[in-house]
N, C-alpha and C. Protein backbone atom coordinates (compact mmCIF):
# COMPACT_ATOMS: atom_id res chain seq x y z
N MET A 1 0.84 -1.20 0.00
CA MET A 1 0.00 0.00 0.00
C MET A 1 0.87 1.24 0.00
N LEU A 2 0.59 2.15 -0.90
CA LEU A 2 1.35 3.38 -0.97
C LEU A 2 0.89 4.35 0.10
N SER A 3 1.80 5.22 0.51
CA SER A 3 1.40 6.27 1.43
C SER A 3 0.59 7.31 0.67
N TRP A 4 -0.14 8.13 1.41
CA TRP A 4 -1.00 9.12 0.74
C TRP A 4 -0.15 10.13 -0.02
N VAL A 5 1.07 10.37 0.46
CA VAL A 5 1.97 11.31 -0.22
C VAL A 5 2.37 10.75 -1.58
N ASP A 6 2.73 9.46 -1.63
CA ASP A 6 3.11 8.82 -2.89
C ASP A 6 1.95 8.82 -3.88
N CYS A 7 0.76 8.56 -3.38
CA CYS A 7 -0.42 8.55 -4.23
C CYS A 7 -0.67 9.94 -4.81
N HIS A 8 -0.53 10.93 -3.96
CA HIS A 8 -0.77 12.32 -4.37
C HIS A 8 0.20 12.71 -5.47
N ARG A 9 1.47 12.38 -5.31
CA ARG A 9 2.48 12.71 -6.30
C ARG A 9 2.20 12.04 -7.63
N SER A 10 1.78 10.79 -7.57
CA SER A 10 1.45 10.05 -8.79
C SER A 10 0.32 10.73 -9.55
N ILE A 11 -0.66 11.20 -8.81
CA ILE A 11 -1.82 11.86 -9.41
C ILE A 11 -1.42 13.18 -10.05
N VAL A 12 -0.54 13.92 -9.37
CA VAL A 12 -0.09 15.21 -9.89
C VAL A 12 0.65 15.03 -11.22
N ARG A 13 1.44 13.96 -11.32
CA ARG A 13 2.21 13.71 -12.54
C ARG A 13 1.32 13.27 -13.70
N GLY A 14 0.18 12.68 -13.38
CA GLY A 14 -0.65 12.11 -14.43
C GLY A 14 -1.96 12.84 -14.63
N HIS A 15 -2.93 12.10 -15.10
CA HIS A 15 -4.25 12.67 -15.35
C HIS A 15 -5.26 11.53 -15.39
N GLY A 16 -6.52 11.87 -15.40
CA GLY A 16 -7.52 10.82 -15.45
C GLY A 16 -8.89 11.35 -15.13
N SER A 17 -9.81 10.42 -14.96
CA SER A 17 -11.18 10.81 -14.65
C SER A 17 -11.70 9.96 -13.50
N ILE A 18 -12.55 10.57 -12.69
CA ILE A 18 -13.15 9.85 -11.58
C ILE A 18 -14.66 9.95 -11.68
N VAL A 19 -15.32 8.82 -11.64
CA VAL A 19 -16.77 8.81 -11.69
C VAL A 19 -17.34 9.18 -10.33
N SER A 20 -16.81 8.55 -9.29
CA SER A 20 -17.27 8.84 -7.94
C SER A 20 -16.19 8.43 -6.95
N GLY A 21 -15.93 9.28 -5.99
CA GLY A 21 -14.91 8.94 -5.01
C GLY A 21 -14.46 10.15 -4.23
N GLN A 22 -13.59 9.92 -3.25
CA GLN A 22 -13.08 11.01 -2.44
C GLN A 22 -11.69 10.65 -1.91
N TRP A 23 -10.94 11.69 -1.55
CA TRP A 23 -9.58 11.48 -1.03
C TRP A 23 -9.61 11.57 0.48
N SER A 24 -9.00 10.60 1.13
CA SER A 24 -8.95 10.59 2.58
C SER A 24 -7.50 10.66 3.05
N VAL A 25 -7.11 11.79 3.62
CA VAL A 25 -5.74 11.96 4.10
C VAL A 25 -5.47 11.10 5.32
N VAL A 26 -6.50 10.94 6.15
CA VAL A 26 -6.36 10.16 7.37
C VAL A 26 -6.04 8.70 7.06
N ASN A 27 -6.78 8.14 6.14
CA ASN A 27 -6.57 6.75 5.77
C ASN A 27 -5.43 6.58 4.78
N GLY A 28 -5.09 7.66 4.08
CA GLY A 28 -4.00 7.61 3.13
C GLY A 28 -4.29 6.77 1.90
N GLN A 29 -5.55 6.74 1.49
CA GLN A 29 -5.90 5.93 0.33
C GLN A 29 -7.16 6.49 -0.34
N TRP A 30 -7.39 6.05 -1.54
CA TRP A 30 -8.59 6.45 -2.27
C TRP A 30 -9.76 5.55 -1.91
N SER A 31 -10.92 6.16 -1.78
CA SER A 31 -12.15 5.38 -1.66
C SER A 31 -13.00 5.71 -2.88
N MET A 32 -13.18 4.75 -3.76
CA MET A 32 -13.83 5.03 -5.03
C MET A 32 -14.88 3.99 -5.40
N VAL A 33 -15.82 4.41 -6.23
CA VAL A 33 -16.77 3.49 -6.83
C VAL A 33 -16.19 2.98 -8.15
N SER A 34 -15.71 3.91 -8.96
CA SER A 34 -15.07 3.53 -10.21
C SER A 34 -14.21 4.68 -10.70
N GLY A 35 -13.28 4.40 -11.59
CA GLY A 35 -12.41 5.44 -12.11
C GLY A 35 -11.01 4.91 -12.34
N GLN A 36 -10.22 5.64 -13.10
CA GLN A 36 -8.87 5.18 -13.41
C GLN A 36 -7.96 6.38 -13.70
N TRP A 37 -6.76 6.31 -13.23
CA TRP A 37 -5.77 7.35 -13.48
C TRP A 37 -4.65 6.81 -14.36
N SER A 38 -4.20 7.62 -15.30
CA SER A 38 -3.05 7.25 -16.11
C SER A 38 -1.84 8.06 -15.65
N VAL A 39 -0.76 7.40 -15.29
CA VAL A 39 0.45 8.09 -14.86
C VAL A 39 1.57 7.82 -15.85
N VAL A 40 2.68 8.53 -15.66
CA VAL A 40 3.79 8.48 -16.61
C VAL A 40 4.31 7.06 -16.83
N ASN A 41 4.44 6.31 -15.75
CA ASN A 41 5.06 4.98 -15.86
C ASN A 41 4.05 3.85 -15.91
N GLY A 42 2.88 4.09 -16.47
CA GLY A 42 1.89 3.03 -16.57
C GLY A 42 0.53 3.52 -16.10
N GLN A 43 -0.31 2.60 -15.71
CA GLN A 43 -1.65 2.93 -15.25
C GLN A 43 -1.88 2.41 -13.84
N TRP A 44 -2.58 3.21 -13.07
CA TRP A 44 -2.99 2.78 -11.74
C TRP A 44 -4.51 2.59 -11.75
N SER A 45 -4.93 1.43 -11.32
CA SER A 45 -6.37 1.17 -11.27
C SER A 45 -6.85 1.28 -9.82
N MET A 46 -7.85 2.13 -9.58
CA MET A 46 -8.33 2.35 -8.23
C MET A 46 -9.77 1.89 -8.10
N VAL A 47 -9.98 0.85 -7.33
CA VAL A 47 -11.31 0.32 -7.10
C VAL A 47 -11.45 -0.03 -5.62
N SER A 48 -12.52 0.44 -5.01
CA SER A 48 -12.79 0.16 -3.60
C SER A 48 -11.66 0.64 -2.70
N GLY A 49 -11.03 1.72 -3.08
CA GLY A 49 -10.02 2.34 -2.22
C GLY A 49 -8.68 1.62 -2.21
N GLN A 50 -8.42 0.78 -3.21
CA GLN A 50 -7.16 0.07 -3.26
C GLN A 50 -6.39 0.42 -4.53
N TRP A 51 -5.06 0.42 -4.41
CA TRP A 51 -4.20 0.67 -5.57
C TRP A 51 -3.71 -0.67 -6.13
N SER A 52 -3.79 -0.80 -7.45
CA SER A 52 -3.23 -1.99 -8.08
C SER A 52 -2.51 -1.56 -9.36
N VAL A 53 -1.36 -2.15 -9.61
CA VAL A 53 -0.56 -1.75 -10.76
C VAL A 53 -1.02 -2.49 -12.01
N VAL A 54 -1.22 -1.74 -13.08
CA VAL A 54 -1.58 -2.32 -14.37
C VAL A 54 -0.56 -1.86 -15.41
N ASN A 55 0.25 -2.77 -15.91
CA ASN A 55 1.30 -2.44 -16.87
C ASN A 55 2.24 -1.37 -16.33
N GLY A 56 2.47 -1.39 -15.03
CA GLY A 56 3.31 -0.37 -14.44
C GLY A 56 4.54 -0.97 -13.83
């Protein structure tokens, strides 16, 4: 699990769209219904507040 700082930096470097979700600094993770971010070194898939690497 990445720290919230690492997640934030990844998001700043990339771009994407979110259908529904929110950022929680306390938990340090995304809580989402659906959505995906594309970053420089691959794609991060965020579902149910978890990070998983896809082609990254």
